[in-house]
Amino acid sequence: MSKRETYEQALERLRSETMTDTVLFKLTKTNPSIFESKVGGTPYIPRDRELPNDGDGNQLRFLAQIDCESLKTLPDFPHRGLLQFFISESDILGLDEDDGFKVFYYEEADKTVTEQECKAKIKPLNEPDERYMPVEGEYGMEFKPEKMSMTMVDYRYNDLARSKLEDEVDEDLFDEIFYNYDEDDDECECDDDGYCEHRSGGYPYFTQYDPRDEESEHTVLLFQLDSDYGGGEERVMWGDSGICNFFIRPGDLKNRDFTNVLYNWDCC
């Protein structure tokens, strides 16, 4: 058996050992209510709550919400209620800004709240030439549970691969394969069924690099929204075909504490 064949066998074991649950979703042209999963549009807002402001006093904008029953295949994720994501309508969409984003969780929604009540709490968007929000329109979400192994762009991959494979292949061969892998393997492209890299759980994708480092405790991919376009329609666009991610610490997720979430987006 050649060294490369030995490496491929070891790499397959690594893929197997890092396999975990994920839930993909695709955008649908439906008319979701304020109590359903959606990207864009009008979110559920409790009767006794207002939308939060960013550090400059501007109202945060609704990005997406998930009916957590759709996440029941993901251990430690909430399996009931609504999980919501809001970001700033600035030119950098809240990235590295004070209070530039928020994540809310409601274990139970008040079904007596109306969409009209929620809409009345939302301030008008800026003029078209000043708008930066990545979502154009409102979409429902169709979910698909899957399993996936760690992607090469995950910050943990390099060290993990070396620790698992150092006894299988020599350093030169590892570097040759690792640093010259086919980048098509990690491209974020929508498949023929309309599933892009929109997901909760599993492992992230990036167009640039993982913002986390070896000391990061935010190891759980809470939510990821990819750029989504084609067929003459631009549904989601992060800068130049980018992607966004929200990460959380495992303990915070178990405790339903969404006050310490890491938010990132990048583009080509």
Protein backbone atom coordinates (compact mmCIF):
# COMPACT_ATOMS: atom_id res chain seq x y z
CA MET A 1 0.00 0.00 0.00
CA SER A 2 1.37 3.42 -0.97
CA LYS A 3 1.81 6.23 1.51
CA ARG A 4 -0.97 8.17 -0.20
CA GLU A 5 -3.35 5.24 0.10
CA THR A 6 -2.41 4.96 3.78
CA TYR A 7 -3.17 8.66 4.20
CA GLU A 8 -6.54 8.34 2.48
CA GLN A 9 -7.53 5.50 4.79
CA ALA A 10 -6.49 7.51 7.83
CA LEU A 11 -8.35 10.54 6.51
CA GLU A 12 -11.50 8.46 6.10
CA ARG A 13 -11.23 7.43 9.76
CA LEU A 14 -10.94 11.12 10.67
CA ARG A 15 -14.09 11.88 8.71
CA SER A 16 -15.89 9.08 10.51
CA GLU A 17 -14.71 10.20 13.97
CA THR A 18 -15.84 13.81 13.42
CA MET A 19 -19.24 12.88 11.97
CA THR A 20 -22.05 14.76 13.69
CA ASP A 21 -25.67 15.81 13.25
CA THR A 22 -26.66 18.87 11.28
CA VAL A 23 -29.88 20.28 9.89
CA LEU A 24 -29.79 21.85 6.45
CA PHE A 25 -32.54 24.14 5.26
CA LYS A 26 -33.54 25.73 2.01
CA LEU A 27 -35.56 28.86 1.34
CA THR A 28 -39.11 28.43 0.10
CA LYS A 29 -41.53 30.81 -1.57
CA THR A 30 -44.20 30.45 1.06
CA ASN A 31 -46.00 32.89 3.31
CA PRO A 32 -44.78 31.96 6.81
CA SER A 33 -46.58 33.40 9.81
CA ILE A 34 -44.83 35.21 12.66
CA PHE A 35 -44.78 31.89 14.53
CA GLU A 36 -43.04 29.88 11.80
CA SER A 37 -39.47 29.51 10.57
CA LYS A 38 -38.55 32.27 8.16
CA VAL A 39 -35.75 34.34 6.68
CA GLY A 40 -36.64 38.01 6.28
CA GLY A 41 -40.08 39.50 6.74
CA THR A 42 -41.83 40.17 10.06
CA PRO A 43 -40.70 38.31 13.18
CA TYR A 44 -42.62 37.37 16.27
CA ILE A 45 -42.28 40.10 18.91
CA PRO A 46 -43.85 39.50 22.33
CA ARG A 47 -46.49 42.02 23.32
CA ASP A 48 -44.34 43.29 26.20
CA ARG A 49 -41.12 43.59 24.16
CA GLU A 50 -39.62 46.02 21.66
CA LEU A 51 -36.89 45.38 19.12
CA PRO A 52 -33.39 46.14 20.45
CA ASN A 53 -31.10 48.92 19.24
CA ASP A 54 -27.48 48.77 18.19
CA GLY A 55 -24.75 50.84 19.83
CA ASP A 56 -25.75 53.91 17.79
CA GLY A 57 -29.38 53.73 18.84
CA ASN A 58 -30.63 52.30 15.57
CA GLN A 59 -33.13 49.48 15.62
CA LEU A 60 -31.67 46.08 14.81
CA ARG A 61 -33.11 44.33 11.76
CA PHE A 62 -34.65 40.89 11.63
CA LEU A 63 -32.55 38.27 9.86
CA ALA A 64 -34.21 34.91 10.59
CA GLN A 65 -36.12 32.81 13.10
CA ILE A 66 -36.39 29.05 13.53
CA ASP A 67 -39.25 27.01 14.91
CA CYS A 68 -37.05 24.84 17.12
CA GLU A 69 -39.18 21.75 16.60
CA SER A 70 -37.31 21.52 13.28
CA LEU A 71 -34.05 21.06 15.24
CA LYS A 72 -35.17 18.01 17.23
CA THR A 73 -32.42 15.83 15.70
CA LEU A 74 -29.74 18.11 17.19
CA PRO A 75 -28.69 17.19 20.74
CA ASP A 76 -28.72 20.06 23.27
CA PHE A 77 -30.52 22.44 20.88
CA PRO A 78 -33.95 23.68 21.99
CA HIS A 79 -36.71 21.54 20.46
CA ARG A 80 -39.58 23.92 21.06
CA GLY A 81 -40.11 27.66 20.80
CA LEU A 82 -38.52 30.24 18.51
CA LEU A 83 -34.84 31.09 18.03
CA GLN A 84 -34.31 34.51 16.44
CA PHE A 85 -31.39 36.39 14.89
CA PHE A 86 -31.11 40.17 14.45
CA ILE A 87 -28.28 42.25 12.97
CA SER A 88 -27.45 45.91 12.45
CA GLU A 89 -28.38 47.59 9.17
CA SER A 90 -24.94 49.16 8.85
CA ASP A 91 -22.50 48.79 5.98
CA ILE A 92 -20.71 46.04 7.97
CA LEU A 93 -23.98 44.48 9.16
CA GLY A 94 -23.11 44.65 12.83
CA LEU A 95 -19.80 42.85 12.59
CA ASP A 96 -17.44 43.95 15.39
CA GLU A 97 -19.90 46.69 16.39
CA ASP A 98 -21.23 47.39 19.88
CA ASP A 99 -24.55 45.56 20.13
CA GLY A 100 -24.37 44.89 16.40
CA PHE A 101 -26.44 41.73 16.67
CA LYS A 102 -28.73 39.87 19.05
CA VAL A 103 -30.01 36.33 19.44
CA PHE A 104 -33.30 35.74 21.23
CA TYR A 105 -35.02 32.56 22.33
CA TYR A 106 -38.66 32.26 23.28
CA GLU A 107 -39.58 28.88 24.72
CA GLU A 108 -43.23 29.56 24.03
CA ALA A 109 -44.77 32.18 21.78
CA ASP A 110 -47.95 34.03 22.68
CA LYS A 111 -50.27 32.99 19.86
CA THR A 112 -52.61 35.91 20.56
CA VAL A 113 -49.97 38.35 19.20
CA THR A 114 -50.84 39.48 15.69
CA GLU A 115 -48.59 40.23 12.74
CA GLN A 116 -50.01 43.75 12.62
CA GLU A 117 -48.85 44.35 16.21
CA CYS A 118 -45.35 43.17 15.33
CA LYS A 119 -45.16 45.24 12.16
CA ALA A 120 -46.16 48.35 14.10
CA LYS A 121 -43.01 48.01 16.23
CA ILE A 122 -40.63 47.91 13.24
CA LYS A 123 -39.19 51.21 12.05
CA PRO A 124 -38.97 51.78 8.26
CA LEU A 125 -35.84 50.65 6.47
CA ASN A 126 -33.38 53.23 5.24
CA GLU A 127 -33.61 54.63 1.76
CA PRO A 128 -32.76 52.07 -0.97
CA ASP A 129 -29.32 53.54 -1.67
CA GLU A 130 -28.47 53.27 2.03
CA ARG A 131 -29.73 49.74 2.61
CA TYR A 132 -27.28 46.94 3.33
CA MET A 133 -29.44 44.07 4.59
CA PRO A 134 -28.45 40.76 2.95
CA VAL A 135 -31.98 39.37 2.64
CA GLU A 136 -34.26 40.54 -0.15
CA GLY A 137 -37.83 39.51 0.58
CA GLU A 138 -39.33 36.93 2.92
CA TYR A 139 -38.93 33.15 2.72
CA GLY A 140 -40.06 30.06 4.54
CA MET A 141 -37.59 27.35 5.49
CA GLU A 142 -37.68 23.65 4.61
CA PHE A 143 -35.46 21.50 6.82
CA LYS A 144 -33.49 18.32 6.15
CA PRO A 145 -31.58 16.45 8.90
CA GLU A 146 -28.20 15.11 7.80
CA LYS A 147 -24.81 14.11 9.13
CA MET A 148 -21.50 15.69 8.19
CA SER A 149 -17.84 15.43 9.04
CA MET A 150 -15.53 18.30 9.94
CA THR A 151 -14.70 20.66 7.10
CA MET A 152 -11.11 21.59 6.36
CA VAL A 153 -11.87 25.26 7.01
CA ASP A 154 -12.79 24.58 10.65
CA TYR A 155 -10.10 26.00 12.94
CA ARG A 156 -9.74 22.65 14.69
CA TYR A 157 -9.13 20.62 11.56
CA ASN A 158 -5.41 21.14 11.04
CA ASP A 159 -4.31 20.16 14.55
CA LEU A 160 -6.82 17.34 14.75
CA ALA A 161 -5.73 15.92 11.41
CA ARG A 162 -2.08 16.08 12.40
CA SER A 163 -2.73 14.38 15.73
CA LYS A 164 -4.72 11.62 14.05
CA LEU A 165 -2.48 11.13 11.04
CA GLU A 166 1.04 11.80 12.29
CA ASP A 167 1.64 8.09 12.81
CA GLU A 168 0.22 7.22 9.41
CA VAL A 169 2.18 9.43 7.01
CA ASP A 170 5.30 11.55 7.11
CA GLU A 171 5.18 15.32 7.55
CA ASP A 172 6.05 16.15 3.94
CA LEU A 173 3.23 14.04 2.54
CA PHE A 174 0.76 15.48 5.03
CA ASP A 175 1.70 19.05 4.05
CA GLU A 176 1.58 18.19 0.37
CA ILE A 177 -1.96 16.85 0.59
CA PHE A 178 -3.32 19.20 3.24
CA TYR A 179 -2.15 22.45 1.70
CA ASN A 180 -2.98 21.45 -1.85
CA TYR A 181 -6.39 19.88 -1.42
CA ASP A 182 -9.06 20.53 -4.01
CA GLU A 183 -10.81 23.66 -2.79
CA ASP A 184 -13.92 22.59 -4.69
CA ASP A 185 -14.48 20.16 -1.84
CA ASP A 186 -15.22 23.06 0.50
CA GLU A 187 -17.10 25.42 -1.79
CA CYS A 188 -20.48 26.70 -0.62
CA GLU A 189 -22.66 25.96 -3.60
CA CYS A 190 -26.39 25.28 -3.70
CA ASP A 191 -27.27 21.78 -4.87
CA ASP A 192 -29.86 20.85 -7.46
CA ASP A 193 -32.56 20.63 -4.78
CA GLY A 194 -31.96 24.21 -3.62
CA TYR A 195 -30.00 23.43 -0.45
CA CYS A 196 -27.10 25.83 0.02
CA GLU A 197 -24.97 25.92 3.18
CA HIS A 198 -27.85 27.16 5.31
CA ARG A 199 -27.68 25.04 8.44
CA SER A 200 -27.79 24.66 12.21
CA GLY A 201 -25.44 22.25 13.95
CA GLY A 202 -22.56 20.53 12.21
CA TYR A 203 -19.51 22.41 10.96
CA PRO A 204 -19.16 25.86 9.39
CA TYR A 205 -18.03 27.13 6.04
CA PHE A 206 -16.24 30.39 5.31
CA THR A 207 -15.21 32.29 2.20
CA GLN A 208 -12.17 33.65 4.06
CA TYR A 209 -11.10 31.93 7.27
CA ASP A 210 -12.40 30.77 10.63
CA PRO A 211 -12.41 33.78 13.04
CA ARG A 212 -12.04 31.45 16.04
CA ASP A 213 -8.72 30.26 17.42
CA GLU A 214 -7.54 27.31 19.51
CA GLU A 215 -8.71 29.02 22.71
CA SER A 216 -12.24 29.64 21.46
CA GLU A 217 -15.04 28.04 23.45
CA HIS A 218 -17.67 28.83 20.80
CA THR A 219 -17.56 25.40 19.20
CA VAL A 220 -21.23 24.91 18.30
CA LEU A 221 -22.58 26.22 15.00
CA LEU A 222 -25.89 27.71 16.10
CA PHE A 223 -26.97 29.08 12.74
CA GLN A 224 -25.46 29.65 9.31
CA LEU A 225 -26.98 31.59 6.42
CA ASP A 226 -25.31 31.36 3.04
CA SER A 227 -25.64 33.66 0.04
CA ASP A 228 -28.50 32.26 -2.02
CA TYR A 229 -29.11 33.36 -5.57
CA GLY A 230 -29.70 32.04 -9.05
CA GLY A 231 -32.45 31.75 -11.60
CA GLY A 232 -32.54 35.51 -11.92
CA GLU A 233 -33.35 35.97 -8.21
CA GLU A 234 -31.11 37.23 -5.43
CA ARG A 235 -32.59 35.93 -2.18
CA VAL A 236 -29.62 36.38 0.17
CA MET A 237 -26.33 38.16 -0.56
CA TRP A 238 -23.59 38.74 2.01
CA GLY A 239 -21.29 41.25 0.33
CA ASP A 240 -19.78 39.43 -2.63
CA SER A 241 -21.27 35.92 -2.32
CA GLY A 242 -20.38 35.57 1.35
CA ILE A 243 -21.75 33.61 4.29
CA CYS A 244 -22.61 34.30 7.94
CA ASN A 245 -22.27 32.18 11.07
CA PHE A 246 -23.41 32.32 14.67
CA PHE A 247 -21.47 30.22 17.23
CA ILE A 248 -22.25 29.40 20.85
CA ARG A 249 -20.54 27.66 23.76
CA PRO A 250 -21.91 24.15 24.50
CA GLY A 251 -22.78 24.98 28.11
CA ASP A 252 -24.64 28.14 27.13
CA LEU A 253 -26.65 26.22 24.56
CA LYS A 254 -27.68 23.62 27.15
CA ASN A 255 -28.66 26.40 29.55
CA ARG A 256 -30.56 28.31 26.85
CA ASP A 257 -28.30 31.30 27.42
CA PHE A 258 -27.91 33.20 24.14
CA THR A 259 -26.22 36.31 25.53
CA ASN A 260 -22.67 35.21 24.61
CA VAL A 261 -22.83 34.32 20.93
CA LEU A 262 -20.07 34.82 18.36
CA TYR A 263 -21.26 36.35 15.06
CA ASN A 264 -19.25 36.44 11.85
CA TRP A 265 -19.74 37.02 8.18
CA ASP A 266 -17.26 37.23 5.35
CA CYS A 267 -17.25 37.32 1.57
CA CYS A 268 -14.96 36.81 -1.41
